[in-house]
Structure formats: structure tokens, C-alpha cells
Amino acid sequence: MPGELILTVDDEIRIGELIGMYLGKDGFRHVTATSGRQAIELTENEQPSLIVLDVLLPDMEGYELCARLRQKTDVPIVFLTCKDTEIDKVVGLSVGADDYVSKPFSPVELVARIKAQLRRSRIAGNKQAEEQPSSVLSSRHLRLRIDAHEAYADGKRIELSAKEFQLLAYLMQNARQVMTAERLLSHIWGYDSSLDTKTLQVHIGNLRKKIEPNPSSPTRIVTIRGIGYKFDDPVQ
């Protein structure tokens, strides 16, 4: 909503100024970082509601910065970059980004996407608050401590991002049920879009690497071709 703080991370000062001008028209506050180190400091000190992030930065690659920011905040991250190949987008999503906008860009479209991400974040947060699962979810091989945000696979602690944790918790709550991609997107990300399944596929792939004995042949999160996914590890 207007008044929220947006952080732009881009070493091109004019890009930050342009984004700030358009955000200001909608009542948003705006701050710009020109390096990864400055972005980390501003994120810790200012706690922005959303981060717009370039891939090419002077002191570190944007993908690395995104992964480091994900350890500090769950707010939406939107990549804004000239690197626009399919693999670039997949890498961006895999390290924790929520959206990917290519340069050259329309400032009006970027602001619209920022608003959409903020709206989705609020909707997802409200759903999480309304549908709090039990404090512990357990299956034969997995255990989630919801309040502590801790996850264990085969007795060993694993690190999950906020979205990965929410996704696994929701699948475990609905064990043995086939969950469509649209339903998972709607519940976790707060929107319905059959055109945005790449986001879900990337997060499922990341989860499998952390919880499956053999991620290339998953047995705990199973793909139901043409429909979605099913959590198939017996729940206790």
C-alpha cells in the first residue's frame, strides 16, 4: 500500500531516480543502493517492503546478493536486469526472487508489478495467519516445527527459505492429496496463474534437493503429470 518503502539496488543512479519518481507518484517511499554491501545495510536498517534488484553490481553478482538477502528478509524481490535469457530467469527464481523484469523496461509496468507483488505478499500473509497449522508436522522422514521455523529430513536439520517452508508445510497438511499448480500458487504466493508455473517448478526442485534421498527420482513430493504434486511420505 502507499507509504511502504521500496529499495532499488542498481549502480546506475538514473535508474534508481526514475523508479523513485514513478513510485513517488503512487505515494511509495523509495531508497536506492548502488552496491550489494549497501543493499544489505539498508535492508537491515530500513526494512523495506520490497526490493528491486539488478544482477550486475560492482561488488557482487545480484544472484549472490539475492541469496544473502533471503537469509535476512522474506519480502518480495524483483529482478530488474538486462540479463533476460530463460536460464537467467530460472537462476533468479531459484535463489529466491519473486519476479523478473527485463531491461529496457516500462516504469509504469514495473510499478504495477511491484503493487502486484505487495498485494500477493499481504494476501499470502493473511492466509497464513488465518490457517495456522499445528505447531509440529511430522511424516516418516520429515519434521517441521512451525513456530520455530525449523525443518528436519531424516533427523538432520535442513535450511529452507520462507516460501519452501510454507510450500512443504501446505503439502504435508494435505498429504496424499493431489494439489494442482494453480492451488499451490494461490495459497503460497497469493495469486492464481497457470502461466506462472515456472516459479512453482523451481521451488519444488529446490525442495526436492533438500528432502529427497534421490532428487532425480522423488518419492516424497511426487509429480502428478498434467495436474500438480502430491506429498507421499506417510504422515504420523
C-alpha atoms as a PDB file:
ATOM      1  CA  MET A   1       0.000   0.000   0.000  1.00  0.00           C
ATOM      2  CA  PRO A   2       1.186   3.600  -0.488  1.00  0.00           C
ATOM      3  CA  GLY A   3       3.725   4.717   2.076  1.00  0.00           C
ATOM      4  CA  GLU A   4       5.611   1.418   2.008  1.00  0.00           C
ATOM      5  CA  LEU A   5       9.361   1.617   1.435  1.00  0.00           C
ATOM      6  CA  ILE A   6      10.817   0.184  -1.781  1.00  0.00           C
ATOM      7  CA  LEU A   7      14.567  -0.482  -2.070  1.00  0.00           C
ATOM      8  CA  THR A   8      16.168  -0.327  -5.531  1.00  0.00           C
ATOM      9  CA  VAL A   9      19.619  -1.897  -5.931  1.00  0.00           C
ATOM     10  CA  ASP A  10      21.270  -0.648  -9.123  1.00  0.00           C
ATOM     11  CA  ASP A  11      24.634   1.003  -9.761  1.00  0.00           C
ATOM     12  CA  GLU A  12      23.050   3.190 -12.458  1.00  0.00           C
ATOM     13  CA  ILE A  13      21.877   6.156 -10.389  1.00  0.00           C
ATOM     14  CA  ARG A  14      19.490   7.359 -13.086  1.00  0.00           C
ATOM     15  CA  ILE A  15      17.630   4.039 -12.945  1.00  0.00           C
ATOM     16  CA  GLY A  16      17.043   4.456  -9.221  1.00  0.00           C
ATOM     17  CA  GLU A  17      15.932   8.053  -9.718  1.00  0.00           C
ATOM     18  CA  LEU A  18      13.487   7.067 -12.472  1.00  0.00           C
ATOM     19  CA  ILE A  19      11.960   4.274 -10.385  1.00  0.00           C
ATOM     20  CA  GLY A  20      11.766   6.545  -7.351  1.00  0.00           C
ATOM     21  CA  MET A  21       9.954   9.225  -9.358  1.00  0.00           C
ATOM     22  CA  TYR A  22       7.254   6.826 -10.561  1.00  0.00           C
ATOM     23  CA  LEU A  23       6.892   5.182  -7.144  1.00  0.00           C
ATOM     24  CA  GLY A  24       6.541   8.600  -5.543  1.00  0.00           C
ATOM     25  CA  LYS A  25       3.553   9.358  -7.789  1.00  0.00           C
ATOM     26  CA  ASP A  26       1.764   6.449  -6.098  1.00  0.00           C
ATOM     27  CA  GLY A  27       2.756   7.501  -2.598  1.00  0.00           C
ATOM     28  CA  PHE A  28       5.540   4.983  -2.037  1.00  0.00           C
ATOM     29  CA  ARG A  29       8.763   5.848  -0.248  1.00  0.00           C
ATOM     30  CA  HIS A  30      11.965   4.896  -2.046  1.00  0.00           C
ATOM     31  CA  VAL A  31      15.646   4.408  -1.312  1.00  0.00           C
ATOM     32  CA  THR A  32      18.472   3.338  -3.643  1.00  0.00           C
ATOM     33  CA  ALA A  33      21.599   1.253  -3.060  1.00  0.00           C
ATOM     34  CA  THR A  34      24.374   1.215  -5.643  1.00  0.00           C
ATOM     35  CA  SER A  35      26.219  -1.849  -4.321  1.00  0.00           C
ATOM     36  CA  GLY A  36      25.479  -5.187  -2.709  1.00  0.00           C
ATOM     37  CA  ARG A  37      27.068  -4.185   0.595  1.00  0.00           C
ATOM     38  CA  GLN A  38      24.970  -1.026   0.781  1.00  0.00           C
ATOM     39  CA  ALA A  39      21.840  -3.048  -0.073  1.00  0.00           C
ATOM     40  CA  ILE A  40      22.451  -5.410   2.846  1.00  0.00           C
ATOM     41  CA  GLU A  41      22.924  -2.484   5.233  1.00  0.00           C
ATOM     42  CA  LEU A  42      19.765  -0.719   4.035  1.00  0.00           C
ATOM     43  CA  THR A  43      17.751  -3.938   4.248  1.00  0.00           C
ATOM     44  CA  GLU A  44      18.842  -4.455   7.862  1.00  0.00           C
ATOM     45  CA  ASN A  45      18.361  -0.826   8.895  1.00  0.00           C
ATOM     46  CA  GLU A  46      15.353   0.320   6.854  1.00  0.00           C
ATOM     47  CA  GLN A  47      13.391  -2.958   6.471  1.00  0.00           C
ATOM     48  CA  PRO A  48      11.907  -2.266   3.016  1.00  0.00           C
ATOM     49  CA  SER A  49       8.620  -3.841   1.947  1.00  0.00           C
ATOM     50  CA  LEU A  50      10.038  -4.902  -1.446  1.00  0.00           C
ATOM     51  CA  ILE A  51      13.431  -4.953  -3.169  1.00  0.00           C
ATOM     52  CA  VAL A  52      14.112  -4.257  -6.864  1.00  0.00           C
ATOM     53  CA  LEU A  53      17.468  -5.835  -7.686  1.00  0.00           C
ATOM     54  CA  ASP A  54      19.860  -5.678 -10.652  1.00  0.00           C
ATOM     55  CA  VAL A  55      22.026  -8.698 -11.475  1.00  0.00           C
ATOM     56  CA  LEU A  56      25.133  -6.743 -12.491  1.00  0.00           C
ATOM     57  CA  LEU A  57      26.551  -4.918  -9.461  1.00  0.00           C
ATOM     58  CA  PRO A  58      30.085  -3.615  -8.827  1.00  0.00           C
ATOM     59  CA  ASP A  59      30.910  -5.685  -5.741  1.00  0.00           C
ATOM     60  CA  MET A  60      28.902  -8.906  -6.130  1.00  0.00           C
ATOM     61  CA  GLU A  61      26.559 -10.621  -8.551  1.00  0.00           C
ATOM     62  CA  GLY A  62      22.878  -9.955  -7.958  1.00  0.00           C
ATOM     63  CA  TYR A  63      22.131 -13.674  -7.656  1.00  0.00           C
ATOM     64  CA  GLU A  64      24.550 -13.965  -4.742  1.00  0.00           C
ATOM     65  CA  LEU A  65      23.078 -10.843  -3.164  1.00  0.00           C
ATOM     66  CA  CYS A  66      19.545 -12.196  -3.536  1.00  0.00           C
ATOM     67  CA  ALA A  67      20.509 -15.411  -1.756  1.00  0.00           C
ATOM     68  CA  ARG A  68      22.120 -13.406   1.078  1.00  0.00           C
ATOM     69  CA  LEU A  69      19.115 -11.100   1.370  1.00  0.00           C
ATOM     70  CA  ARG A  70      16.824 -14.133   1.584  1.00  0.00           C
ATOM     71  CA  GLN A  71      18.615 -15.078   4.814  1.00  0.00           C
ATOM     72  CA  LYS A  72      17.590 -11.723   6.286  1.00  0.00           C
ATOM     73  CA  THR A  73      14.130 -10.991   4.880  1.00  0.00           C
ATOM     74  CA  ASP A  74      11.062 -12.634   3.336  1.00  0.00           C
ATOM     75  CA  VAL A  75       9.865  -9.528   1.464  1.00  0.00           C
ATOM     76  CA  PRO A  76       9.285  -9.808  -2.313  1.00  0.00           C
ATOM     77  CA  ILE A  77      12.360  -9.426  -4.514  1.00  0.00           C
ATOM     78  CA  VAL A  78      12.020  -8.381  -8.159  1.00  0.00           C
ATOM     79  CA  PHE A  79      14.995  -8.689 -10.502  1.00  0.00           C
ATOM     80  CA  LEU A  80      15.347  -5.790 -12.977  1.00  0.00           C
ATOM     81  CA  THR A  81      18.161  -6.582 -15.396  1.00  0.00           C
ATOM     82  CA  CYS A  82      19.361  -6.756 -18.977  1.00  0.00           C
ATOM     83  CA  LYS A  83      20.132 -10.475 -18.491  1.00  0.00           C
ATOM     84  CA  ASP A  84      16.880 -11.879 -19.851  1.00  0.00           C
ATOM     85  CA  THR A  85      17.506 -15.428 -21.089  1.00  0.00           C
ATOM     86  CA  GLU A  86      15.396 -18.310 -19.815  1.00  0.00           C
ATOM     87  CA  ILE A  87      18.281 -19.670 -17.737  1.00  0.00           C
ATOM     88  CA  ASP A  88      18.827 -16.229 -16.163  1.00  0.00           C
ATOM     89  CA  LYS A  89      15.196 -16.179 -15.045  1.00  0.00           C
ATOM     90  CA  VAL A  90      15.386 -19.729 -13.671  1.00  0.00           C
ATOM     91  CA  VAL A  91      18.536 -18.885 -11.703  1.00  0.00           C
ATOM     92  CA  GLY A  92      16.886 -15.735 -10.351  1.00  0.00           C
ATOM     93  CA  LEU A  93      13.843 -17.658  -9.158  1.00  0.00           C
ATOM     94  CA  SER A  94      15.993 -20.442  -7.703  1.00  0.00           C
ATOM     95  CA  VAL A  95      17.878 -18.046  -5.414  1.00  0.00           C
ATOM     96  CA  GLY A  96      14.670 -16.554  -4.018  1.00  0.00           C
ATOM     97  CA  ALA A  97      13.337 -13.892  -6.408  1.00  0.00           C
ATOM     98  CA  ASP A  98       9.581 -13.484  -6.846  1.00  0.00           C
ATOM     99  CA  ASP A  99       9.536 -11.808 -10.270  1.00  0.00           C
ATOM    100  CA  TYR A 100      11.865 -10.956 -13.145  1.00  0.00           C
ATOM    101  CA  VAL A 101      11.636  -7.806 -15.313  1.00  0.00           C
ATOM    102  CA  SER A 102      13.941  -7.249 -18.291  1.00  0.00           C
ATOM    103  CA  LYS A 103      15.660  -4.001 -19.285  1.00  0.00           C
ATOM    104  CA  PRO A 104      14.771  -1.839 -21.128  1.00  0.00           C
ATOM    105  CA  PHE A 105      11.615  -1.608 -19.052  1.00  0.00           C
ATOM    106  CA  SER A 106       8.438   0.401 -18.688  1.00  0.00           C
ATOM    107  CA  PRO A 107       8.403   2.247 -15.326  1.00  0.00           C
ATOM    108  CA  VAL A 108       4.602   2.059 -15.333  1.00  0.00           C
ATOM    109  CA  GLU A 109       4.698  -1.727 -15.774  1.00  0.00           C
ATOM    110  CA  LEU A 110       7.378  -2.086 -13.090  1.00  0.00           C
ATOM    111  CA  VAL A 111       5.284  -0.126 -10.572  1.00  0.00           C
ATOM    112  CA  ALA A 112       2.284  -2.304 -11.475  1.00  0.00           C
ATOM    113  CA  ARG A 113       4.328  -5.435 -10.820  1.00  0.00           C
ATOM    114  CA  ILE A 114       5.586  -4.020  -7.523  1.00  0.00           C
ATOM    115  CA  LYS A 115       1.996  -3.366  -6.450  1.00  0.00           C
ATOM    116  CA  ALA A 116       1.012  -6.885  -7.505  1.00  0.00           C
ATOM    117  CA  GLN A 117       3.850  -8.459  -5.509  1.00  0.00           C
ATOM    118  CA  LEU A 118       2.976  -6.418  -2.425  1.00  0.00           C
ATOM    119  CA  ARG A 119      -0.670  -7.401  -2.780  1.00  0.00           C
ATOM    120  CA  ARG A 120       0.221 -11.067  -3.171  1.00  0.00           C
ATOM    121  CA  SER A 121       2.512 -10.881  -0.153  1.00  0.00           C
ATOM    122  CA  ARG A 122      -0.275  -9.417   2.004  1.00  0.00           C
ATOM    123  CA  ILE A 123      -2.818 -11.994   0.811  1.00  0.00           C
ATOM    124  CA  ALA A 124      -0.411 -14.858   1.478  1.00  0.00           C
ATOM    125  CA  GLY A 125       0.381 -13.433   4.916  1.00  0.00           C
ATOM    126  CA  ASN A 126      -3.300 -13.171   5.787  1.00  0.00           C
ATOM    127  CA  LYS A 127      -3.907 -16.754   4.708  1.00  0.00           C
ATOM    128  CA  GLN A 128      -1.004 -17.951   6.806  1.00  0.00           C
ATOM    129  CA  ALA A 129      -2.375 -16.120   9.836  1.00  0.00           C
ATOM    130  CA  GLU A 130      -5.897 -17.473   9.311  1.00  0.00           C
ATOM    131  CA  GLU A 131      -4.793 -21.061   8.671  1.00  0.00           C
ATOM    132  CA  GLN A 132      -2.048 -21.663  11.196  1.00  0.00           C
ATOM    133  CA  PRO A 133      -1.113 -25.369  11.072  1.00  0.00           C
ATOM    134  CA  SER A 134      -0.371 -27.366  14.189  1.00  0.00           C
ATOM    135  CA  SER A 135       2.930 -26.441  15.807  1.00  0.00           C
ATOM    136  CA  VAL A 136       4.608 -29.653  14.575  1.00  0.00           C
ATOM    137  CA  LEU A 137       4.070 -31.536  11.305  1.00  0.00           C
ATOM    138  CA  SER A 138       5.668 -34.968  11.007  1.00  0.00           C
ATOM    139  CA  SER A 139       5.905 -37.715   8.418  1.00  0.00           C
ATOM    140  CA  ARG A 140       8.012 -40.849   8.295  1.00  0.00           C
ATOM    141  CA  HIS A 141      11.103 -38.947   7.177  1.00  0.00           C
ATOM    142  CA  LEU A 142      10.331 -35.255   7.690  1.00  0.00           C
ATOM    143  CA  ARG A 143       9.521 -32.981  10.619  1.00  0.00           C
ATOM    144  CA  LEU A 144       8.551 -29.307  10.668  1.00  0.00           C
ATOM    145  CA  ARG A 145       8.441 -27.145  13.800  1.00  0.00           C
ATOM    146  CA  ILE A 146       6.166 -24.358  12.624  1.00  0.00           C
ATOM    147  CA  ASP A 147       6.663 -21.834  15.429  1.00  0.00           C
ATOM    148  CA  ALA A 148      10.455 -22.183  15.339  1.00  0.00           C
ATOM    149  CA  HIS A 149      10.585 -22.365  11.521  1.00  0.00           C
ATOM    150  CA  GLU A 150      12.779 -25.474  11.730  1.00  0.00           C
ATOM    151  CA  ALA A 151      12.824 -28.363   9.273  1.00  0.00           C
ATOM    152  CA  TYR A 152      14.385 -31.819   9.609  1.00  0.00           C
ATOM    153  CA  ALA A 153      14.874 -34.523   6.980  1.00  0.00           C
ATOM    154  CA  ASP A 154      15.812 -37.991   8.213  1.00  0.00           C
ATOM    155  CA  GLY A 155      16.708 -36.470  11.581  1.00  0.00           C
ATOM    156  CA  LYS A 156      19.053 -33.810  10.175  1.00  0.00           C
ATOM    157  CA  ARG A 157      18.338 -30.079  10.270  1.00  0.00           C
ATOM    158  CA  ILE A 158      17.859 -28.538   6.816  1.00  0.00           C
ATOM    159  CA  GLU A 159      17.654 -24.883   5.810  1.00  0.00           C
ATOM    160  CA  LEU A 160      14.529 -23.861   3.903  1.00  0.00           C
ATOM    161  CA  SER A 161      13.585 -20.455   2.553  1.00  0.00           C
ATOM    162  CA  ALA A 162      10.297 -18.965   3.740  1.00  0.00           C
ATOM    163  CA  LYS A 163       8.486 -19.996   0.535  1.00  0.00           C
ATOM    164  CA  GLU A 164       9.983 -23.513   0.611  1.00  0.00           C
ATOM    165  CA  PHE A 165       8.910 -23.910   4.244  1.00  0.00           C
ATOM    166  CA  GLN A 166       5.356 -22.702   3.515  1.00  0.00           C
ATOM    167  CA  LEU A 167       5.113 -24.945   0.466  1.00  0.00           C
ATOM    168  CA  LEU A 168       6.292 -28.060   2.312  1.00  0.00           C
ATOM    169  CA  ALA A 169       4.004 -27.345   5.278  1.00  0.00           C
ATOM    170  CA  TYR A 170       0.989 -26.977   2.980  1.00  0.00           C
ATOM    171  CA  LEU A 171       1.806 -30.179   1.106  1.00  0.00           C
ATOM    172  CA  MET A 172       2.228 -32.052   4.394  1.00  0.00           C
ATOM    173  CA  GLN A 173      -1.072 -30.695   5.683  1.00  0.00           C
ATOM    174  CA  ASN A 174      -2.689 -32.119   2.565  1.00  0.00           C
ATOM    175  CA  ALA A 175      -0.714 -35.371   2.384  1.00  0.00           C
ATOM    176  CA  ARG A 176      -1.805 -37.931  -0.212  1.00  0.00           C
ATOM    177  CA  GLN A 177      -3.981 -35.299  -1.918  1.00  0.00           C
ATOM    178  CA  VAL A 178      -3.131 -34.161  -5.433  1.00  0.00           C
ATOM    179  CA  MET A 179      -2.569 -30.397  -5.289  1.00  0.00           C
ATOM    180  CA  THR A 180      -2.879 -28.515  -8.565  1.00  0.00           C
ATOM    181  CA  ALA A 181      -0.227 -25.984  -9.526  1.00  0.00           C
ATOM    182  CA  GLU A 182      -2.895 -23.278  -9.518  1.00  0.00           C
ATOM    183  CA  ARG A 183      -3.954 -24.132  -5.968  1.00  0.00           C
ATOM    184  CA  LEU A 184      -0.373 -24.105  -4.697  1.00  0.00           C
ATOM    185  CA  LEU A 185       0.371 -20.784  -6.404  1.00  0.00           C
ATOM    186  CA  SER A 186      -2.818 -19.279  -4.998  1.00  0.00           C
ATOM    187  CA  HIS A 187      -2.153 -20.432  -1.440  1.00  0.00           C
ATOM    188  CA  ILE A 188       1.590 -19.772  -1.189  1.00  0.00           C
ATOM    189  CA  TRP A 189       2.050 -16.787  -3.476  1.00  0.00           C
ATOM    190  CA  GLY A 190      -1.442 -15.342  -3.174  1.00  0.00           C
ATOM    191  CA  TYR A 191      -2.489 -15.465  -6.802  1.00  0.00           C
ATOM    192  CA  ASP A 192      -3.853 -17.778  -9.493  1.00  0.00           C
ATOM    193  CA  SER A 193      -1.883 -18.076 -12.717  1.00  0.00           C
ATOM    194  CA  SER A 194      -1.472 -21.122 -14.919  1.00  0.00           C
ATOM    195  CA  LEU A 195       1.126 -19.061 -16.827  1.00  0.00           C
ATOM    196  CA  ASP A 196       3.496 -18.800 -13.864  1.00  0.00           C
ATOM    197  CA  THR A 197       4.168 -22.467 -13.114  1.00  0.00           C
ATOM    198  CA  LYS A 198       7.926 -21.939 -13.618  1.00  0.00           C
ATOM    199  CA  THR A 199       8.065 -20.267 -10.186  1.00  0.00           C
ATOM    200  CA  LEU A 200       6.462 -23.319  -8.591  1.00  0.00           C
ATOM    201  CA  GLN A 201       8.646 -25.776 -10.525  1.00  0.00           C
ATOM    202  CA  VAL A 202      11.807 -24.045  -9.343  1.00  0.00           C
ATOM    203  CA  HIS A 203      10.718 -24.119  -5.688  1.00  0.00           C
ATOM    204  CA  ILE A 204       9.638 -27.775  -5.909  1.00  0.00           C
ATOM    205  CA  GLY A 205      13.028 -28.584  -7.452  1.00  0.00           C
ATOM    206  CA  ASN A 206      14.848 -26.794  -4.642  1.00  0.00           C
ATOM    207  CA  LEU A 207      12.759 -28.595  -2.022  1.00  0.00           C
ATOM    208  CA  ARG A 208      13.488 -31.980  -3.568  1.00  0.00           C
ATOM    209  CA  LYS A 209      17.243 -31.323  -3.427  1.00  0.00           C
ATOM    210  CA  LYS A 210      16.903 -30.803   0.326  1.00  0.00           C
ATOM    211  CA  ILE A 211      14.410 -33.516   1.346  1.00  0.00           C
ATOM    212  CA  GLU A 212      14.678 -36.340  -1.212  1.00  0.00           C
ATOM    213  CA  PRO A 213      17.261 -39.157  -0.997  1.00  0.00           C
ATOM    214  CA  ASN A 214      17.399 -39.031  -4.805  1.00  0.00           C
ATOM    215  CA  PRO A 215      16.026 -35.710  -6.137  1.00  0.00           C
ATOM    216  CA  SER A 216      16.026 -37.003  -9.732  1.00  0.00           C
ATOM    217  CA  SER A 217      13.639 -39.785  -8.688  1.00  0.00           C
ATOM    218  CA  PRO A 218      11.490 -38.176  -5.950  1.00  0.00           C
ATOM    219  CA  THR A 219       9.340 -40.265  -3.644  1.00  0.00           C
ATOM    220  CA  ARG A 220       8.257 -37.658  -1.079  1.00  0.00           C
ATOM    221  CA  ILE A 221       6.964 -34.902  -3.349  1.00  0.00           C
ATOM    222  CA  VAL A 222       5.622 -36.704  -6.393  1.00  0.00           C
ATOM    223  CA  THR A 223       4.688 -35.082  -9.701  1.00  0.00           C
ATOM    224  CA  ILE A 224       1.238 -35.971 -10.997  1.00  0.00           C
ATOM    225  CA  ARG A 225       1.757 -35.227 -14.664  1.00  0.00           C
ATOM    226  CA  GLY A 226      -0.559 -32.639 -16.116  1.00  0.00           C
ATOM    227  CA  ILE A 227      -2.140 -31.863 -12.724  1.00  0.00           C
ATOM    228  CA  GLY A 228       0.289 -30.924  -9.968  1.00  0.00           C
ATOM    229  CA  TYR A 229       2.029 -32.501  -6.982  1.00  0.00           C
ATOM    230  CA  LYS A 230       1.329 -34.877  -4.092  1.00  0.00           C
ATOM    231  CA  PHE A 231       3.104 -35.306  -0.753  1.00  0.00           C
ATOM    232  CA  ASP A 232       3.518 -39.081  -0.471  1.00  0.00           C
ATOM    233  CA  ASP A 233       5.624 -39.587   2.663  1.00  0.00           C
ATOM    234  CA  PRO A 234       3.347 -41.230   5.274  1.00  0.00           C
ATOM    235  CA  VAL A 235       2.255 -38.623   7.831  1.00  0.00           C
ATOM    236  CA  GLN A 236       2.429 -39.548  11.505  1.00  0.00           C
END
